[in-house]
Amino acid sequence: MRRDARRALSIRPEFHAPLFDALSSIPKMQPGDTVFWHSSDVIHAVEDAHRGTGYSNVMYVASAPACAKNDAYLKRQFPSFLQDKGSPDFPADHFEVDFVGRATVDDLTPLGKAQSGFDL
């Protein structure tokens, strides 16, 4: 993939109607629930807008769960984390760098550091 080609892709009924039949919806979630999926293997979506009353969060963690492919990605992603930038396969706009409360190395426990690539 060319470095400048990274972007989120949206589907629209007028152009991609058959894809909606293949869309995998996540079931109703409860606080603390977690869903793992391999994003390049399934068509998936998150809401464009949060319409609930509580907190809503979608996290993209491409290096979990641990496997050879994800471990290889973690080696590419780790420098971005240390530089406080977005993941290397996301658009290079780094729009999250100014978020208040954004996690840093200092927020990680020893286990978190191991899972983030410090021992690679």
PDB file of N, CA and C in Angstrom:
ATOM      1  N   MET A   1       0.838  -1.165   0.000  1.00  0.00           N
ATOM      2  CA  MET A   1       0.000   0.000   0.000  1.00  0.00           C
ATOM      3  C   MET A   1       0.888   1.236   0.000  1.00  0.00           C
ATOM      4  N   ARG A   2       0.580   2.164  -0.869  1.00  0.00           N
ATOM      5  CA  ARG A   2       1.343   3.412  -0.890  1.00  0.00           C
ATOM      6  C   ARG A   2       1.054   4.196   0.373  1.00  0.00           C
ATOM      7  N   ARG A   3       2.070   4.814   0.914  1.00  0.00           N
ATOM      8  CA  ARG A   3       1.940   5.536   2.173  1.00  0.00           C
ATOM      9  C   ARG A   3       0.870   6.630   2.118  1.00  0.00           C
ATOM     10  N   ASP A   4       0.696   7.289   0.989  1.00  0.00           N
ATOM     11  CA  ASP A   4      -0.271   8.376   0.894  1.00  0.00           C
ATOM     12  C   ASP A   4      -1.685   7.883   0.557  1.00  0.00           C
ATOM     13  N   ALA A   5      -1.884   6.581   0.409  1.00  0.00           N
ATOM     14  CA  ALA A   5      -3.182   6.045   0.034  1.00  0.00           C
ATOM     15  C   ALA A   5      -4.018   5.643   1.248  1.00  0.00           C
ATOM     16  N   ARG A   6      -3.506   5.803   2.456  1.00  0.00           N
ATOM     17  CA  ARG A   6      -4.230   5.367   3.649  1.00  0.00           C
ATOM     18  C   ARG A   6      -5.401   6.301   3.931  1.00  0.00           C
ATOM     19  N   ARG A   7      -6.586   5.699   4.078  1.00  0.00           N
ATOM     20  CA  ARG A   7      -7.746   6.485   4.441  1.00  0.00           C
ATOM     21  C   ARG A   7      -8.875   5.541   4.827  1.00  0.00           C
ATOM     22  N   ALA A   8      -9.793   6.058   5.600  1.00  0.00           N
ATOM     23  CA  ALA A   8     -10.969   5.273   5.934  1.00  0.00           C
ATOM     24  C   ALA A   8     -11.888   5.236   4.716  1.00  0.00           C
ATOM     25  N   LEU A   9     -12.469   4.106   4.465  1.00  0.00           N
ATOM     26  CA  LEU A   9     -13.345   3.949   3.312  1.00  0.00           C
ATOM     27  C   LEU A   9     -14.779   3.784   3.785  1.00  0.00           C
ATOM     28  N   SER A  10     -15.656   4.571   3.250  1.00  0.00           N
ATOM     29  CA  SER A  10     -17.071   4.479   3.573  1.00  0.00           C
ATOM     30  C   SER A  10     -17.811   3.805   2.427  1.00  0.00           C
ATOM     31  N   ILE A  11     -18.894   3.132   2.782  1.00  0.00           N
ATOM     32  CA  ILE A  11     -19.739   2.548   1.743  1.00  0.00           C
ATOM     33  C   ILE A  11     -21.070   3.287   1.749  1.00  0.00           C
ATOM     34  N   ARG A  12     -21.634   3.426   0.559  1.00  0.00           N
ATOM     35  CA  ARG A  12     -22.899   4.136   0.405  1.00  0.00           C
ATOM     36  C   ARG A  12     -23.848   3.241  -0.375  1.00  0.00           C
ATOM     37  N   PRO A  13     -25.109   3.165   0.042  1.00  0.00           N
ATOM     38  CA  PRO A  13     -26.060   2.261  -0.623  1.00  0.00           C
ATOM     39  C   PRO A  13     -26.152   2.463  -2.129  1.00  0.00           C
ATOM     40  N   GLU A  14     -26.066   3.703  -2.583  1.00  0.00           N
ATOM     41  CA  GLU A  14     -26.221   3.936  -4.019  1.00  0.00           C
ATOM     42  C   GLU A  14     -25.048   3.425  -4.852  1.00  0.00           C
ATOM     43  N   PHE A  15     -23.906   3.217  -4.214  1.00  0.00           N
ATOM     44  CA  PHE A  15     -22.730   2.751  -4.949  1.00  0.00           C
ATOM     45  C   PHE A  15     -22.306   1.332  -4.567  1.00  0.00           C
ATOM     46  N   HIS A  16     -22.616   0.903  -3.363  1.00  0.00           N
ATOM     47  CA  HIS A  16     -22.081  -0.356  -2.839  1.00  0.00           C
ATOM     48  C   HIS A  16     -23.156  -1.249  -2.230  1.00  0.00           C
ATOM     49  N   ALA A  17     -24.341  -1.246  -2.780  1.00  0.00           N
ATOM     50  CA  ALA A  17     -25.472  -1.965  -2.188  1.00  0.00           C
ATOM     51  C   ALA A  17     -25.150  -3.416  -1.806  1.00  0.00           C
ATOM     52  N   PRO A  18     -24.472  -4.219  -2.628  1.00  0.00           N
ATOM     53  CA  PRO A  18     -24.201  -5.610  -2.242  1.00  0.00           C
ATOM     54  C   PRO A  18     -23.340  -5.742  -0.977  1.00  0.00           C
ATOM     55  N   LEU A  19     -22.515  -4.748  -0.705  1.00  0.00           N
ATOM     56  CA  LEU A  19     -21.665  -4.838   0.479  1.00  0.00           C
ATOM     57  C   LEU A  19     -22.468  -4.799   1.779  1.00  0.00           C
ATOM     58  N   PHE A  20     -23.610  -4.137   1.755  1.00  0.00           N
ATOM     59  CA  PHE A  20     -24.418  -4.056   2.971  1.00  0.00           C
ATOM     60  C   PHE A  20     -24.922  -5.431   3.404  1.00  0.00           C
ATOM     61  N   ASP A  21     -25.098  -6.343   2.449  1.00  0.00           N
ATOM     62  CA  ASP A  21     -25.521  -7.700   2.797  1.00  0.00           C
ATOM     63  C   ASP A  21     -24.406  -8.464   3.509  1.00  0.00           C
ATOM     64  N   ALA A  22     -23.169  -8.050   3.324  1.00  0.00           N
ATOM     65  CA  ALA A  22     -22.031  -8.732   3.926  1.00  0.00           C
ATOM     66  C   ALA A  22     -21.510  -8.033   5.176  1.00  0.00           C
ATOM     67  N   LEU A  23     -22.124  -6.930   5.556  1.00  0.00           N
ATOM     68  CA  LEU A  23     -21.679  -6.165   6.711  1.00  0.00           C
ATOM     69  C   LEU A  23     -21.871  -6.965   7.987  1.00  0.00           C
ATOM     70  N   SER A  24     -20.827  -7.063   8.798  1.00  0.00           N
ATOM     71  CA  SER A  24     -20.881  -7.774  10.078  1.00  0.00           C
ATOM     72  C   SER A  24     -21.123  -6.769  11.190  1.00  0.00           C
ATOM     73  N   SER A  25     -22.279  -6.842  11.782  1.00  0.00           N
ATOM     74  CA  SER A  25     -22.606  -5.920  12.862  1.00  0.00           C
ATOM     75  C   SER A  25     -22.130  -6.485  14.199  1.00  0.00           C
ATOM     76  N   ILE A  26     -21.733  -5.605  15.058  1.00  0.00           N
ATOM     77  CA  ILE A  26     -21.356  -5.994  16.410  1.00  0.00           C
ATOM     78  C   ILE A  26     -22.630  -5.989  17.245  1.00  0.00           C
ATOM     79  N   PRO A  27     -22.839  -7.011  18.072  1.00  0.00           N
ATOM     80  CA  PRO A  27     -24.058  -7.041  18.883  1.00  0.00           C
ATOM     81  C   PRO A  27     -24.060  -5.923  19.922  1.00  0.00           C
ATOM     82  N   LYS A  28     -25.195  -5.704  20.541  1.00  0.00           N
ATOM     83  CA  LYS A  28     -25.309  -4.687  21.581  1.00  0.00           C
ATOM     84  C   LYS A  28     -24.243  -4.954  22.635  1.00  0.00           C
ATOM     85  N   MET A  29     -23.520  -3.922  22.977  1.00  0.00           N
ATOM     86  CA  MET A  29     -22.388  -4.046  23.899  1.00  0.00           C
ATOM     87  C   MET A  29     -22.779  -3.541  25.280  1.00  0.00           C
ATOM     88  N   GLN A  30     -22.120  -4.081  26.269  1.00  0.00           N
ATOM     89  CA  GLN A  30     -22.265  -3.650  27.649  1.00  0.00           C
ATOM     90  C   GLN A  30     -20.910  -3.108  28.109  1.00  0.00           C
ATOM     91  N   PRO A  31     -20.896  -2.252  29.139  1.00  0.00           N
ATOM     92  CA  PRO A  31     -19.608  -1.733  29.629  1.00  0.00           C
ATOM     93  C   PRO A  31     -18.620  -2.857  29.902  1.00  0.00           C
ATOM     94  N   GLY A  32     -17.414  -2.691  29.379  1.00  0.00           N
ATOM     95  CA  GLY A  32     -16.359  -3.685  29.566  1.00  0.00           C
ATOM     96  C   GLY A  32     -16.297  -4.747  28.493  1.00  0.00           C
ATOM     97  N   ASP A  33     -17.313  -4.837  27.617  1.00  0.00           N
ATOM     98  CA  ASP A  33     -17.295  -5.829  26.541  1.00  0.00           C
ATOM     99  C   ASP A  33     -16.191  -5.506  25.543  1.00  0.00           C
ATOM    100  N   THR A  34     -15.659  -6.532  24.909  1.00  0.00           N
ATOM    101  CA  THR A  34     -14.607  -6.379  23.920  1.00  0.00           C
ATOM    102  C   THR A  34     -14.923  -7.256  22.716  1.00  0.00           C
ATOM    103  N   VAL A  35     -14.664  -6.748  21.535  1.00  0.00           N
ATOM    104  CA  VAL A  35     -14.842  -7.509  20.300  1.00  0.00           C
ATOM    105  C   VAL A  35     -13.529  -7.440  19.530  1.00  0.00           C
ATOM    106  N   PHE A  36     -13.059  -8.564  19.055  1.00  0.00           N
ATOM    107  CA  PHE A  36     -11.869  -8.605  18.200  1.00  0.00           C
ATOM    108  C   PHE A  36     -12.297  -9.039  16.811  1.00  0.00           C
ATOM    109  N   TRP A  37     -11.796  -8.378  15.784  1.00  0.00           N
ATOM    110  CA  TRP A  37     -11.998  -8.834  14.421  1.00  0.00           C
ATOM    111  C   TRP A  37     -10.795  -8.417  13.608  1.00  0.00           C
ATOM    112  N   HIS A  38     -10.568  -9.126  12.543  1.00  0.00           N
ATOM    113  CA  HIS A  38      -9.454  -8.809  11.658  1.00  0.00           C
ATOM    114  C   HIS A  38     -10.028  -7.946  10.548  1.00  0.00           C
ATOM    115  N   SER A  39      -9.748  -6.655  10.605  1.00  0.00           N
ATOM    116  CA  SER A  39     -10.450  -5.685   9.768  1.00  0.00           C
ATOM    117  C   SER A  39     -10.290  -5.898   8.271  1.00  0.00           C
ATOM    118  N   SER A  40      -9.224  -6.508   7.846  1.00  0.00           N
ATOM    119  CA  SER A  40      -9.089  -6.699   6.398  1.00  0.00           C
ATOM    120  C   SER A  40      -9.855  -7.935   5.921  1.00  0.00           C
ATOM    121  N   ASP A  41     -10.353  -8.739   6.853  1.00  0.00           N
ATOM    122  CA  ASP A  41     -11.061  -9.960   6.480  1.00  0.00           C
ATOM    123  C   ASP A  41     -12.574  -9.819   6.453  1.00  0.00           C
ATOM    124  N   VAL A  42     -13.104  -8.811   7.103  1.00  0.00           N
ATOM    125  CA  VAL A  42     -14.560  -8.649   7.143  1.00  0.00           C
ATOM    126  C   VAL A  42     -14.929  -7.201   6.880  1.00  0.00           C
ATOM    127  N   ILE A  43     -16.078  -7.012   6.288  1.00  0.00           N
ATOM    128  CA  ILE A  43     -16.610  -5.666   6.127  1.00  0.00           C
ATOM    129  C   ILE A  43     -17.244  -5.314   7.458  1.00  0.00           C
ATOM    130  N   HIS A  44     -16.836  -4.219   8.017  1.00  0.00           N
ATOM    131  CA  HIS A  44     -17.320  -3.843   9.336  1.00  0.00           C
ATOM    132  C   HIS A  44     -17.551  -2.340   9.380  1.00  0.00           C
ATOM    133  N   ALA A  45     -18.227  -1.903  10.410  1.00  0.00           N
ATOM    134  CA  ALA A  45     -18.521  -0.484  10.511  1.00  0.00           C
ATOM    135  C   ALA A  45     -18.693  -0.083  11.960  1.00  0.00           C
ATOM    136  N   VAL A  46     -18.492   1.163  12.203  1.00  0.00           N
ATOM    137  CA  VAL A  46     -18.848   1.777  13.475  1.00  0.00           C
ATOM    138  C   VAL A  46     -19.769   2.939  13.139  1.00  0.00           C
ATOM    139  N   GLU A  47     -20.563   3.348  14.103  1.00  0.00           N
ATOM    140  CA  GLU A  47     -21.507   4.424  13.854  1.00  0.00           C
ATOM    141  C   GLU A  47     -20.777   5.708  13.493  1.00  0.00           C
ATOM    142  N   ASP A  48     -21.385   6.478  12.601  1.00  0.00           N
ATOM    143  CA  ASP A  48     -20.832   7.784  12.250  1.00  0.00           C
ATOM    144  C   ASP A  48     -20.969   8.771  13.396  1.00  0.00           C
ATOM    145  N   ALA A  49     -21.983   8.581  14.233  1.00  0.00           N
ATOM    146  CA  ALA A  49     -22.230   9.493  15.348  1.00  0.00           C
ATOM    147  C   ALA A  49     -22.675   8.684  16.558  1.00  0.00           C
ATOM    148  N   HIS A  50     -22.225   9.079  17.728  1.00  0.00           N
ATOM    149  CA  HIS A  50     -22.657   8.431  18.974  1.00  0.00           C
ATOM    150  C   HIS A  50     -23.991   9.039  19.379  1.00  0.00           C
ATOM    151  N   ARG A  51     -25.008   8.198  19.451  1.00  0.00           N
ATOM    152  CA  ARG A  51     -26.344   8.684  19.768  1.00  0.00           C
ATOM    153  C   ARG A  51     -26.797   8.263  21.163  1.00  0.00           C
ATOM    154  N   GLY A  52     -25.899   7.679  21.936  1.00  0.00           N
ATOM    155  CA  GLY A  52     -26.236   7.248  23.285  1.00  0.00           C
ATOM    156  C   GLY A  52     -26.029   8.361  24.294  1.00  0.00           C
ATOM    157  N   THR A  53     -26.229   8.017  25.552  1.00  0.00           N
ATOM    158  CA  THR A  53     -26.080   9.007  26.615  1.00  0.00           C
ATOM    159  C   THR A  53     -24.802   8.812  27.416  1.00  0.00           C
ATOM    160  N   GLY A  54     -24.173   7.659  27.314  1.00  0.00           N
ATOM    161  CA  GLY A  54     -22.937   7.391  28.044  1.00  0.00           C
ATOM    162  C   GLY A  54     -21.738   7.495  27.138  1.00  0.00           C
ATOM    163  N   TYR A  55     -20.583   7.169  27.687  1.00  0.00           N
ATOM    164  CA  TYR A  55     -19.358   7.193  26.900  1.00  0.00           C
ATOM    165  C   TYR A  55     -19.386   6.109  25.840  1.00  0.00           C
ATOM    166  N   SER A  56     -18.783   6.379  24.710  1.00  0.00           N
ATOM    167  CA  SER A  56     -18.656   5.413  23.636  1.00  0.00           C
ATOM    168  C   SER A  56     -17.221   5.456  23.144  1.00  0.00           C
ATOM    169  N   ASN A  57     -16.656   4.314  22.872  1.00  0.00           N
ATOM    170  CA  ASN A  57     -15.259   4.279  22.484  1.00  0.00           C
ATOM    171  C   ASN A  57     -15.033   3.147  21.499  1.00  0.00           C
ATOM    172  N   VAL A  58     -14.339   3.428  20.436  1.00  0.00           N
ATOM    173  CA  VAL A  58     -13.872   2.408  19.498  1.00  0.00           C
ATOM    174  C   VAL A  58     -12.367   2.513  19.471  1.00  0.00           C
ATOM    175  N   MET A  59     -11.715   1.419  19.760  1.00  0.00           N
ATOM    176  CA  MET A  59     -10.245   1.405  19.745  1.00  0.00           C
ATOM    177  C   MET A  59      -9.771   0.435  18.677  1.00  0.00           C
ATOM    178  N   TYR A  60      -8.824   0.874  17.926  1.00  0.00           N
ATOM    179  CA  TYR A  60      -8.191   0.037  16.918  1.00  0.00           C
ATOM    180  C   TYR A  60      -6.841  -0.383  17.478  1.00  0.00           C
ATOM    181  N   VAL A  61      -6.693  -1.664  17.748  1.00  0.00           N
ATOM    182  CA  VAL A  61      -5.436  -2.176  18.281  1.00  0.00           C
ATOM    183  C   VAL A  61      -4.997  -3.290  17.335  1.00  0.00           C
ATOM    184  N   ALA A  62      -4.236  -2.910  16.344  1.00  0.00           N
ATOM    185  CA  ALA A  62      -3.893  -3.864  15.283  1.00  0.00           C
ATOM    186  C   ALA A  62      -2.933  -4.950  15.728  1.00  0.00           C
ATOM    187  N   SER A  63      -2.295  -4.775  16.869  1.00  0.00           N
ATOM    188  CA  SER A  63      -1.302  -5.752  17.302  1.00  0.00           C
ATOM    189  C   SER A  63      -1.859  -6.739  18.320  1.00  0.00           C
ATOM    190  N   ALA A  64      -3.168  -6.821  18.466  1.00  0.00           N
ATOM    191  CA  ALA A  64      -3.765  -7.772  19.392  1.00  0.00           C
ATOM    192  C   ALA A  64      -4.861  -8.537  18.662  1.00  0.00           C
ATOM    193  N   PRO A  65      -5.038  -9.789  18.940  1.00  0.00           N
ATOM    194  CA  PRO A  65      -4.266 -10.628  19.857  1.00  0.00           C
ATOM    195  C   PRO A  65      -2.920 -11.017  19.260  1.00  0.00           C
ATOM    196  N   ALA A  66      -2.051 -11.556  20.084  1.00  0.00           N
ATOM    197  CA  ALA A  66      -0.702 -11.899  19.650  1.00  0.00           C
ATOM    198  C   ALA A  66      -0.713 -13.047  18.651  1.00  0.00           C
ATOM    199  N   CYS A  67      -0.066 -12.831  17.526  1.00  0.00           N
ATOM    200  CA  CYS A  67       0.177 -13.859  16.517  1.00  0.00           C
ATOM    201  C   CYS A  67       1.323 -13.331  15.647  1.00  0.00           C
ATOM    202  N   ALA A  68       1.857 -14.127  14.772  1.00  0.00           N
ATOM    203  CA  ALA A  68       3.020 -13.720  13.974  1.00  0.00           C
ATOM    204  C   ALA A  68       2.734 -12.451  13.152  1.00  0.00           C
ATOM    205  N   LYS A  69       1.564 -12.378  12.516  1.00  0.00           N
ATOM    206  CA  LYS A  69       1.238 -11.215  11.689  1.00  0.00           C
ATOM    207  C   LYS A  69       1.115  -9.957  12.543  1.00  0.00           C
ATOM    208  N   ASN A  70       0.433 -10.063  13.676  1.00  0.00           N
ATOM    209  CA  ASN A  70       0.265  -8.899  14.538  1.00  0.00           C
ATOM    210  C   ASN A  70       1.573  -8.496  15.211  1.00  0.00           C
ATOM    211  N   ASP A  71       2.409  -9.451  15.540  1.00  0.00           N
ATOM    212  CA  ASP A  71       3.720  -9.127  16.114  1.00  0.00           C
ATOM    213  C   ASP A  71       4.575  -8.355  15.112  1.00  0.00           C
ATOM    214  N   ALA A  72       4.486  -8.727  13.837  1.00  0.00           N
ATOM    215  CA  ALA A  72       5.219  -7.994  12.799  1.00  0.00           C
ATOM    216  C   ALA A  72       4.682  -6.572  12.678  1.00  0.00           C
ATOM    217  N   TYR A  73       3.358  -6.415  12.769  1.00  0.00           N
ATOM    218  CA  TYR A  73       2.765  -5.079  12.719  1.00  0.00           C
ATOM    219  C   TYR A  73       3.212  -4.256  13.923  1.00  0.00           C
ATOM    220  N   LEU A  74       3.251  -4.868  15.085  1.00  0.00           N
ATOM    221  CA  LEU A  74       3.642  -4.157  16.296  1.00  0.00           C
ATOM    222  C   LEU A  74       5.028  -3.534  16.141  1.00  0.00           C
ATOM    223  N   LYS A  75       5.933  -4.229  15.489  1.00  0.00           N
ATOM    224  CA  LYS A  75       7.283  -3.680  15.263  1.00  0.00           C
ATOM    225  C   LYS A  75       7.223  -2.420  14.393  1.00  0.00           C
ATOM    226  N   ARG A  76       6.263  -2.366  13.456  1.00  0.00           N
ATOM    227  CA  ARG A  76       6.097  -1.169  12.614  1.00  0.00           C
ATOM    228  C   ARG A  76       5.362  -0.063  13.366  1.00  0.00           C
ATOM    229  N   GLN A  77       4.446  -0.445  14.252  1.00  0.00           N
ATOM    230  CA  GLN A  77       3.610   0.517  14.949  1.00  0.00           C
ATOM    231  C   GLN A  77       4.330   1.158  16.136  1.00  0.00           C
ATOM    232  N   PHE A  78       5.212   0.430  16.784  1.00  0.00           N
ATOM    233  CA  PHE A  78       5.863   0.884  18.018  1.00  0.00           C
ATOM    234  C   PHE A  78       6.548   2.250  17.884  1.00  0.00           C
ATOM    235  N   PRO A  79       7.321   2.498  16.838  1.00  0.00           N
ATOM    236  CA  PRO A  79       7.934   3.831  16.704  1.00  0.00           C
ATOM    237  C   PRO A  79       6.900   4.960  16.635  1.00  0.00           C
ATOM    238  N   SER A  80       5.751   4.701  16.009  1.00  0.00           N
ATOM    239  CA  SER A  80       4.695   5.718  15.954  1.00  0.00           C
ATOM    240  C   SER A  80       4.184   6.040  17.352  1.00  0.00           C
ATOM    241  N   PHE A  81       4.012   5.024  18.166  1.00  0.00           N
ATOM    242  CA  PHE A  81       3.567   5.236  19.546  1.00  0.00           C
ATOM    243  C   PHE A  81       4.592   6.081  20.305  1.00  0.00           C
ATOM    244  N   LEU A  82       5.863   5.754  20.169  1.00  0.00           N
ATOM    245  CA  LEU A  82       6.906   6.506  20.872  1.00  0.00           C
ATOM    246  C   LEU A  82       6.976   7.959  20.413  1.00  0.00           C
ATOM    247  N   GLN A  83       6.624   8.201  19.153  1.00  0.00           N
ATOM    248  CA  GLN A  83       6.640   9.565  18.609  1.00  0.00           C
ATOM    249  C   GLN A  83       5.289  10.268  18.783  1.00  0.00           C
ATOM    250  N   ASP A  84       4.341   9.620  19.478  1.00  0.00           N
ATOM    251  CA  ASP A  84       3.017  10.183  19.739  1.00  0.00           C
ATOM    252  C   ASP A  84       2.267  10.473  18.439  1.00  0.00           C
ATOM    253  N   LYS A  85       2.382   9.539  17.488  1.00  0.00           N
ATOM    254  CA  LYS A  85       1.692   9.663  16.210  1.00  0.00           C
ATOM    255  C   LYS A  85       0.691   8.533  16.067  1.00  0.00           C
ATOM    256  N   GLY A  86      -0.184   8.645  15.079  1.00  0.00           N
ATOM    257  CA  GLY A  86      -1.138   7.585  14.792  1.00  0.00           C
ATOM    258  C   GLY A  86      -0.454   6.361  14.215  1.00  0.00           C
ATOM    259  N   SER A  87      -1.203   5.271  14.148  1.00  0.00           N
ATOM    260  CA  SER A  87      -0.666   4.019  13.614  1.00  0.00           C
ATOM    261  C   SER A  87      -0.239   4.184  12.168  1.00  0.00           C
ATOM    262  N   PRO A  88       0.771   3.438  11.725  1.00  0.00           N
ATOM    263  CA  PRO A  88       1.298   3.623  10.368  1.00  0.00           C
ATOM    264  C   PRO A  88       0.327   3.245   9.259  1.00  0.00           C
ATOM    265  N   ASP A  89      -0.729   2.509   9.550  1.00  0.00           N
ATOM    266  CA  ASP A  89      -1.684   2.170   8.505  1.00  0.00           C
ATOM    267  C   ASP A  89      -2.930   3.052   8.548  1.00  0.00           C
ATOM    268  N   PHE A  90      -2.913   4.106   9.347  1.00  0.00           N
ATOM    269  CA  PHE A  90      -3.994   5.082   9.404  1.00  0.00           C
ATOM    270  C   PHE A  90      -3.606   6.302   8.583  1.00  0.00           C
ATOM    271  N   PRO A  91      -4.566   7.130   8.236  1.00  0.00           N
ATOM    272  CA  PRO A  91      -4.216   8.366   7.533  1.00  0.00           C
ATOM    273  C   PRO A  91      -3.160   9.147   8.309  1.00  0.00           C
ATOM    274  N   ALA A  92      -2.266   9.776   7.595  1.00  0.00           N
ATOM    275  CA  ALA A  92      -1.130  10.458   8.232  1.00  0.00           C
ATOM    276  C   ALA A  92      -1.506  11.829   8.776  1.00  0.00           C
ATOM    277  N   ASP A  93      -2.777  12.030   9.122  1.00  0.00           N
ATOM    278  CA  ASP A  93      -3.172  13.332   9.663  1.00  0.00           C
ATOM    279  C   ASP A  93      -2.867  13.467  11.153  1.00  0.00           C
ATOM    280  N   HIS A  94      -2.656  12.352  11.847  1.00  0.00           N
ATOM    281  CA  HIS A  94      -2.301  12.349  13.271  1.00  0.00           C
ATOM    282  C   HIS A  94      -3.232  13.258  14.076  1.00  0.00           C
ATOM    283  N   PHE A  95      -4.539  13.171  13.802  1.00  0.00           N
ATOM    284  CA  PHE A  95      -5.488  14.082  14.437  1.00  0.00           C
ATOM    285  C   PHE A  95      -5.659  13.843  15.925  1.00  0.00           C
ATOM    286  N   GLU A  96      -5.167  12.734  16.452  1.00  0.00           N
ATOM    287  CA  GLU A  96      -5.347  12.445  17.872  1.00  0.00           C
ATOM    288  C   GLU A  96      -4.243  13.001  18.763  1.00  0.00           C
ATOM    289  N   VAL A  97      -3.203  13.557  18.190  1.00  0.00           N
ATOM    290  CA  VAL A  97      -2.048  13.951  19.009  1.00  0.00           C
ATOM    291  C   VAL A  97      -2.373  15.015  20.038  1.00  0.00           C
ATOM    292  N   ASP A  98      -3.406  15.810  19.828  1.00  0.00           N
ATOM    293  CA  ASP A  98      -3.759  16.861  20.770  1.00  0.00           C
ATOM    294  C   ASP A  98      -4.849  16.449  21.755  1.00  0.00           C
ATOM    295  N   PHE A  99      -5.268  15.198  21.736  1.00  0.00           N
ATOM    296  CA  PHE A  99      -6.323  14.753  22.645  1.00  0.00           C
ATOM    297  C   PHE A  99      -5.848  14.858  24.087  1.00  0.00           C
ATOM    298  N   VAL A 100      -6.651  15.455  24.928  1.00  0.00           N
ATOM    299  CA  VAL A 100      -6.346  15.542  26.353  1.00  0.00           C
ATOM    300  C   VAL A 100      -6.513  14.147  26.955  1.00  0.00           C
ATOM    301  N   GLY A 101      -5.522  13.712  27.709  1.00  0.00           N
ATOM    302  CA  GLY A 101      -5.583  12.402  28.333  1.00  0.00           C
ATOM    303  C   GLY A 101      -5.106  11.272  27.450  1.00  0.00           C
ATOM    304  N   ARG A 102      -4.531  11.594  26.300  1.00  0.00           N
ATOM    305  CA  ARG A 102      -4.009  10.565  25.404  1.00  0.00           C
ATOM    306  C   ARG A 102      -2.944   9.756  26.128  1.00  0.00           C
ATOM    307  N   ALA A 103      -2.979   8.454  25.983  1.00  0.00           N
ATOM    308  CA  ALA A 103      -2.028   7.575  26.662  1.00  0.00           C
ATOM    309  C   ALA A 103      -0.600   7.840  26.197  1.00  0.00           C
ATOM    310  N   THR A 104       0.311   7.761  27.135  1.00  0.00           N
ATOM    311  CA  THR A 104       1.734   7.898  26.848  1.00  0.00           C
ATOM    312  C   THR A 104       2.469   6.708  27.462  1.00  0.00           C
ATOM    313  N   VAL A 105       3.734   6.633  27.233  1.00  0.00           N
ATOM    314  CA  VAL A 105       4.557   5.572  27.802  1.00  0.00           C
ATOM    315  C   VAL A 105       4.405   5.547  29.323  1.00  0.00           C
ATOM    316  N   ASP A 106       4.309   6.709  29.945  1.00  0.00           N
ATOM    317  CA  ASP A 106       4.204   6.786  31.401  1.00  0.00           C
ATOM    318  C   ASP A 106       2.922   6.163  31.945  1.00  0.00           C
ATOM    319  N   ASP A 107       1.910   5.995  31.108  1.00  0.00           N
ATOM    320  CA  ASP A 107       0.643   5.401  31.535  1.00  0.00           C
ATOM    321  C   ASP A 107       0.669   3.880  31.527  1.00  0.00           C
ATOM    322  N   LEU A 108       1.676   3.287  30.924  1.00  0.00           N
ATOM    323  CA  LEU A 108       1.717   1.837  30.756  1.00  0.00           C
ATOM    324  C   LEU A 108       2.267   1.129  31.988  1.00  0.00           C
ATOM    325  N   THR A 109       1.623   0.032  32.338  1.00  0.00           N
ATOM    326  CA  THR A 109       2.142  -0.861  33.370  1.00  0.00           C
ATOM    327  C   THR A 109       3.266  -1.695  32.745  1.00  0.00           C
ATOM    328  N   PRO A 110       4.002  -2.456  33.541  1.00  0.00           N
ATOM    329  CA  PRO A 110       5.000  -3.352  32.932  1.00  0.00           C
ATOM    330  C   PRO A 110       4.382  -4.302  31.897  1.00  0.00           C
ATOM    331  N   LEU A 111       3.196  -4.843  32.192  1.00  0.00           N
ATOM    332  CA  LEU A 111       2.539  -5.705  31.215  1.00  0.00           C
ATOM    333  C   LEU A 111       2.163  -4.918  29.964  1.00  0.00           C
ATOM    334  N   GLY A 112       1.637  -3.714  30.143  1.00  0.00           N
ATOM    335  CA  GLY A 112       1.293  -2.868  29.008  1.00  0.00           C
ATOM    336  C   GLY A 112       2.492  -2.550  28.154  1.00  0.00           C
ATOM    337  N   LYS A 113       3.632  -2.318  28.779  1.00  0.00           N
ATOM    338  CA  LYS A 113       4.856  -2.058  28.027  1.00  0.00           C
ATOM    339  C   LYS A 113       5.260  -3.279  27.215  1.00  0.00           C
ATOM    340  N   ALA A 114       5.161  -4.459  27.823  1.00  0.00           N
ATOM    341  CA  ALA A 114       5.499  -5.688  27.105  1.00  0.00           C
ATOM    342  C   ALA A 114       4.553  -5.872  25.916  1.00  0.00           C
ATOM    343  N   GLN A 115       3.261  -5.606  26.123  1.00  0.00           N
ATOM    344  CA  GLN A 115       2.276  -5.774  25.050  1.00  0.00           C
ATOM    345  C   GLN A 115       2.404  -4.705  23.982  1.00  0.00           C
ATOM    346  N   SER A 116       3.043  -3.596  24.300  1.00  0.00           N
ATOM    347  CA  SER A 116       3.187  -2.482  23.355  1.00  0.00           C
ATOM    348  C   SER A 116       4.466  -2.571  22.545  1.00  0.00           C
ATOM    349  N   GLY A 117       5.316  -3.520  22.834  1.00  0.00           N
ATOM    350  CA  GLY A 117       6.506  -3.715  22.018  1.00  0.00           C
ATOM    351  C   GLY A 117       7.820  -3.320  22.656  1.00  0.00           C
ATOM    352  N   PHE A 118       7.826  -2.953  23.927  1.00  0.00           N
ATOM    353  CA  PHE A 118       9.075  -2.550  24.559  1.00  0.00           C
ATOM    354  C   PHE A 118      10.081  -3.675  24.660  1.00  0.00           C
ATOM    355  N   ASP A 119       9.599  -4.915  24.652  1.00  0.00           N
ATOM    356  CA  ASP A 119      10.545  -6.043  24.778  1.00  0.00           C
ATOM    357  C   ASP A 119      10.792  -6.746  23.453  1.00  0.00           C
ATOM    358  N   LEU A 120      10.480  -6.096  22.345  1.00  0.00           N
ATOM    359  CA  LEU A 120      10.744  -6.709  21.032  1.00  0.00           C
ATOM    360  C   LEU A 120      12.178  -6.467  20.615  1.00  0.00           C
TER     361      LEU A 120
END
